[in-house]
């Protein structure tokens, strides 16, 4: 992480990782690659500063250029791992409907995801996949059973309100653009 800046009083951390693969393979290969790229100690020294004394629940937005989800995916999972290690419950949401990379890499296509939680009342536990990190509970929620979801801003507000009762930190991964604005 580098270049701390502020936008509307909120901290902005900009990072660039040249060692990322152009593409991840789905399933077990994805999780092995994430394990190598997200050692738990990389954020340990900066996490207190990142948290800034904010109380739970916290919502984090990790953005990437359209079609280039690798950096935000790895950043979200690295942050999730560090937060889990501190005993905090974490939910990672793949809000990039156009690419749905985290959904694909975690093999959660055509199964329940956050849209099913928001729209149909599906269980968060049933809609998510456990993150393979030690510590508190960590779940990854893919997009869901159908894409595009045509999610509304009201549904997002309702979903985040519901998820705030189930996690200390909600990490939303999305592509820069109009679709990310409601998040």
Protein backbone atom coordinates (compact mmCIF):
# COMPACT_ATOMS: atom_id res chain seq x y z
CA UNK A 1 0.00 0.00 0.00
CA UNK A 2 1.29 3.42 -0.83
CA UNK A 3 0.22 7.01 -1.45
CA UNK A 4 -2.26 7.77 1.30
CA UNK A 5 -4.66 10.45 0.15
CA UNK A 6 -8.10 11.65 1.14
CA UNK A 7 -11.30 11.99 -0.85
CA UNK A 8 -14.16 13.78 0.91
CA UNK A 9 -12.44 13.12 4.24
CA UNK A 10 -12.17 9.37 3.64
CA UNK A 11 -8.72 7.76 3.41
CA UNK A 12 -7.66 6.46 0.01
CA UNK A 13 -4.86 3.94 -0.34
CA UNK A 14 -3.46 3.38 -3.81
CA UNK A 15 -1.35 0.30 -4.57
CA UNK A 16 0.26 -1.35 -7.55
CA UNK A 17 1.48 -4.93 -7.55
CA UNK A 18 3.51 -5.96 -10.58
CA UNK A 19 3.77 -9.60 -9.47
CA UNK A 20 0.10 -10.40 -10.02
CA UNK A 21 -0.81 -12.91 -12.70
CA UNK A 22 -2.81 -11.67 -15.64
CA UNK A 23 -5.48 -14.21 -14.78
CA UNK A 24 -6.23 -16.70 -11.98
CA UNK A 25 -7.43 -20.26 -12.45
CA UNK A 26 -10.65 -21.20 -10.66
CA UNK A 27 -11.02 -23.44 -7.63
CA UNK A 28 -8.13 -24.84 -5.62
CA UNK A 29 -5.52 -23.18 -7.84
CA UNK A 30 -7.04 -19.76 -7.07
CA UNK A 31 -6.86 -20.28 -3.31
CA UNK A 32 -3.27 -21.54 -3.52
CA UNK A 33 -2.28 -18.44 -5.51
CA UNK A 34 -4.05 -16.18 -3.00
CA UNK A 35 -2.25 -17.92 -0.15
CA UNK A 36 1.11 -17.11 -1.73
CA UNK A 37 0.17 -13.52 -2.56
CA UNK A 38 -1.43 -12.59 0.77
CA UNK A 39 0.92 -13.42 3.62
CA UNK A 40 -0.66 -12.32 6.86
CA UNK A 41 2.21 -10.12 7.98
CA UNK A 42 2.11 -7.67 5.06
CA UNK A 43 -0.68 -5.62 6.62
CA UNK A 44 0.03 -6.28 10.28
CA UNK A 45 2.00 -3.07 10.76
CA UNK A 46 -0.51 -0.90 8.88
CA UNK A 47 -3.81 -2.37 10.02
CA UNK A 48 -4.18 -0.22 13.15
CA UNK A 49 -3.54 2.85 11.02
CA UNK A 50 -6.01 1.68 8.36
CA UNK A 51 -8.69 1.06 10.98
CA UNK A 52 -8.08 4.49 12.48
CA UNK A 53 -10.02 3.61 15.61
CA UNK A 54 -13.25 3.17 13.62
CA UNK A 55 -15.83 0.99 15.26
CA UNK A 56 -17.41 -2.07 13.71
CA UNK A 57 -19.03 -2.65 11.35
CA UNK A 58 -16.82 -1.13 8.72
CA UNK A 59 -17.47 -1.16 4.97
CA UNK A 60 -14.44 -1.15 2.69
CA UNK A 61 -14.66 -0.49 -1.05
CA UNK A 62 -11.87 -1.96 -3.18
CA UNK A 63 -12.00 -0.76 -6.76
CA UNK A 64 -10.27 -1.90 -9.93
CA UNK A 65 -10.25 -0.93 -13.57
CA UNK A 66 -12.91 -2.79 -15.58
CA UNK A 67 -11.52 -6.12 -16.73
CA UNK A 68 -8.56 -5.97 -14.32
CA UNK A 69 -9.86 -7.42 -11.04
CA UNK A 70 -6.65 -9.11 -9.87
CA UNK A 71 -5.32 -6.27 -7.71
CA UNK A 72 -8.55 -5.51 -5.85
CA UNK A 73 -9.28 -9.22 -5.39
CA UNK A 74 -5.87 -9.88 -3.86
CA UNK A 75 -6.06 -6.68 -1.79
CA UNK A 76 -9.50 -7.65 -0.45
CA UNK A 77 -8.37 -11.15 0.45
CA UNK A 78 -5.14 -9.88 2.01
CA UNK A 79 -7.16 -7.45 4.12
CA UNK A 80 -9.69 -10.20 4.97
CA UNK A 81 -6.86 -12.49 6.11
CA UNK A 82 -5.34 -9.80 8.34
CA UNK A 83 -8.73 -8.90 9.83
CA UNK A 84 -9.60 -12.57 10.44
CA UNK A 85 -6.26 -13.03 12.21
CA UNK A 86 -7.29 -10.21 14.58
CA UNK A 87 -10.48 -12.08 15.44
CA UNK A 88 -12.79 -9.98 13.28
CA UNK A 89 -15.59 -11.50 11.19
CA UNK A 90 -15.28 -10.54 7.53
CA UNK A 91 -17.53 -10.70 4.47
CA UNK A 92 -16.02 -10.18 1.00
CA UNK A 93 -18.60 -9.30 -1.69
CA UNK A 94 -17.95 -9.56 -5.42
CA UNK A 95 -19.94 -6.53 -6.60
CA UNK A 96 -18.39 -6.55 -10.09
CA UNK A 97 -21.33 -8.01 -11.96
CA UNK A 98 -19.81 -7.38 -15.38
CA UNK A 99 -16.70 -9.43 -14.60
CA UNK A 100 -17.67 -11.44 -11.49
CA UNK A 101 -14.04 -12.58 -11.21
CA UNK A 102 -14.14 -13.50 -7.52
CA UNK A 103 -17.37 -15.39 -8.15
CA UNK A 104 -15.76 -17.35 -10.98
CA UNK A 105 -12.41 -17.95 -9.28
CA UNK A 106 -14.14 -19.25 -6.15
CA UNK A 107 -16.42 -21.45 -8.29
CA UNK A 108 -19.62 -19.74 -7.09
CA UNK A 109 -21.27 -19.20 -10.49
CA UNK A 110 -24.94 -20.07 -10.76
CA UNK A 111 -25.30 -20.55 -7.04
CA UNK A 112 -26.57 -18.31 -4.26
CA UNK A 113 -24.74 -15.04 -3.60
CA UNK A 114 -25.33 -11.55 -2.29
CA UNK A 115 -28.25 -10.83 -4.65
CA UNK A 116 -30.04 -13.89 -3.26
CA UNK A 117 -29.44 -12.60 0.27
CA UNK A 118 -30.67 -9.13 -0.69
CA UNK A 119 -33.64 -10.04 -2.84
CA UNK A 120 -34.83 -13.45 -1.66
CA UNK A 121 -33.69 -13.61 1.97
CA UNK A 122 -31.16 -16.40 1.44
CA UNK A 123 -28.91 -17.23 4.35
CA UNK A 124 -25.51 -15.54 4.30
CA UNK A 125 -23.89 -18.83 5.34
CA UNK A 126 -25.58 -20.72 2.49
CA UNK A 127 -24.75 -18.00 -0.04
CA UNK A 128 -21.08 -17.73 0.89
CA UNK A 129 -17.95 -19.81 0.75
CA UNK A 130 -15.61 -19.96 3.73
CA UNK A 131 -12.36 -18.08 3.35
CA UNK A 132 -9.41 -20.41 4.02
CA UNK A 133 -7.84 -18.19 6.68
CA UNK A 134 -7.27 -18.76 10.38
CA UNK A 135 -9.07 -16.65 12.91
CA UNK A 136 -12.64 -15.43 12.96
CA UNK A 137 -15.26 -16.27 10.35
CA UNK A 138 -14.57 -15.10 6.83
CA UNK A 139 -16.97 -15.57 3.92
CA UNK A 140 -16.85 -14.70 0.25
CA UNK A 141 -20.19 -13.87 -1.35
CA UNK A 142 -20.30 -14.16 -5.11
CA UNK A 143 -22.77 -12.20 -7.21
CA UNK A 144 -25.47 -14.85 -7.08
CA UNK A 145 -27.82 -17.04 -9.03
CA UNK A 146 -28.38 -14.67 -11.92
CA UNK A 147 -26.45 -11.89 -13.64
CA UNK A 148 -27.08 -9.08 -14.33
CA UNK A 149 -28.89 -8.60 -11.06
CA UNK A 150 -30.39 -5.18 -11.80
CA UNK A 151 -29.79 -4.46 -8.12
CA UNK A 152 -31.26 -1.19 -6.89
CA UNK A 153 -29.69 1.30 -4.52
CA UNK A 154 -32.42 0.48 -1.97
CA UNK A 155 -31.55 -3.22 -2.16
CA UNK A 156 -27.87 -2.42 -1.59
CA UNK A 157 -28.69 -0.27 1.45
CA UNK A 158 -30.91 -3.02 2.83
CA UNK A 159 -28.28 -5.71 2.13
CA UNK A 160 -25.48 -3.76 3.82
CA UNK A 161 -27.76 -3.12 6.79
CA UNK A 162 -28.41 -6.83 7.11
CA UNK A 163 -24.75 -7.76 6.67
CA UNK A 164 -23.66 -5.24 9.32
CA UNK A 165 -25.22 -7.58 11.89
CA UNK A 166 -23.16 -10.51 10.64
CA UNK A 167 -19.66 -9.10 10.21
CA UNK A 168 -17.21 -6.64 11.69
CA UNK A 169 -15.92 -5.76 8.23
CA UNK A 170 -17.60 -5.88 4.83
CA UNK A 171 -15.19 -5.71 1.88
CA UNK A 172 -16.88 -4.80 -1.40
CA UNK A 173 -14.87 -5.48 -4.58
CA UNK A 174 -16.09 -3.62 -7.67
CA UNK A 175 -14.98 -2.15 -10.98
CA UNK A 176 -14.67 1.60 -11.32
CA UNK A 177 -17.73 2.94 -13.10
CA UNK A 178 -21.43 3.68 -12.74
CA UNK A 179 -22.26 0.18 -11.42
CA UNK A 180 -20.04 0.79 -8.37
CA UNK A 181 -21.68 4.09 -7.40
CA UNK A 182 -24.56 2.62 -5.36
CA UNK A 183 -22.09 0.61 -3.31
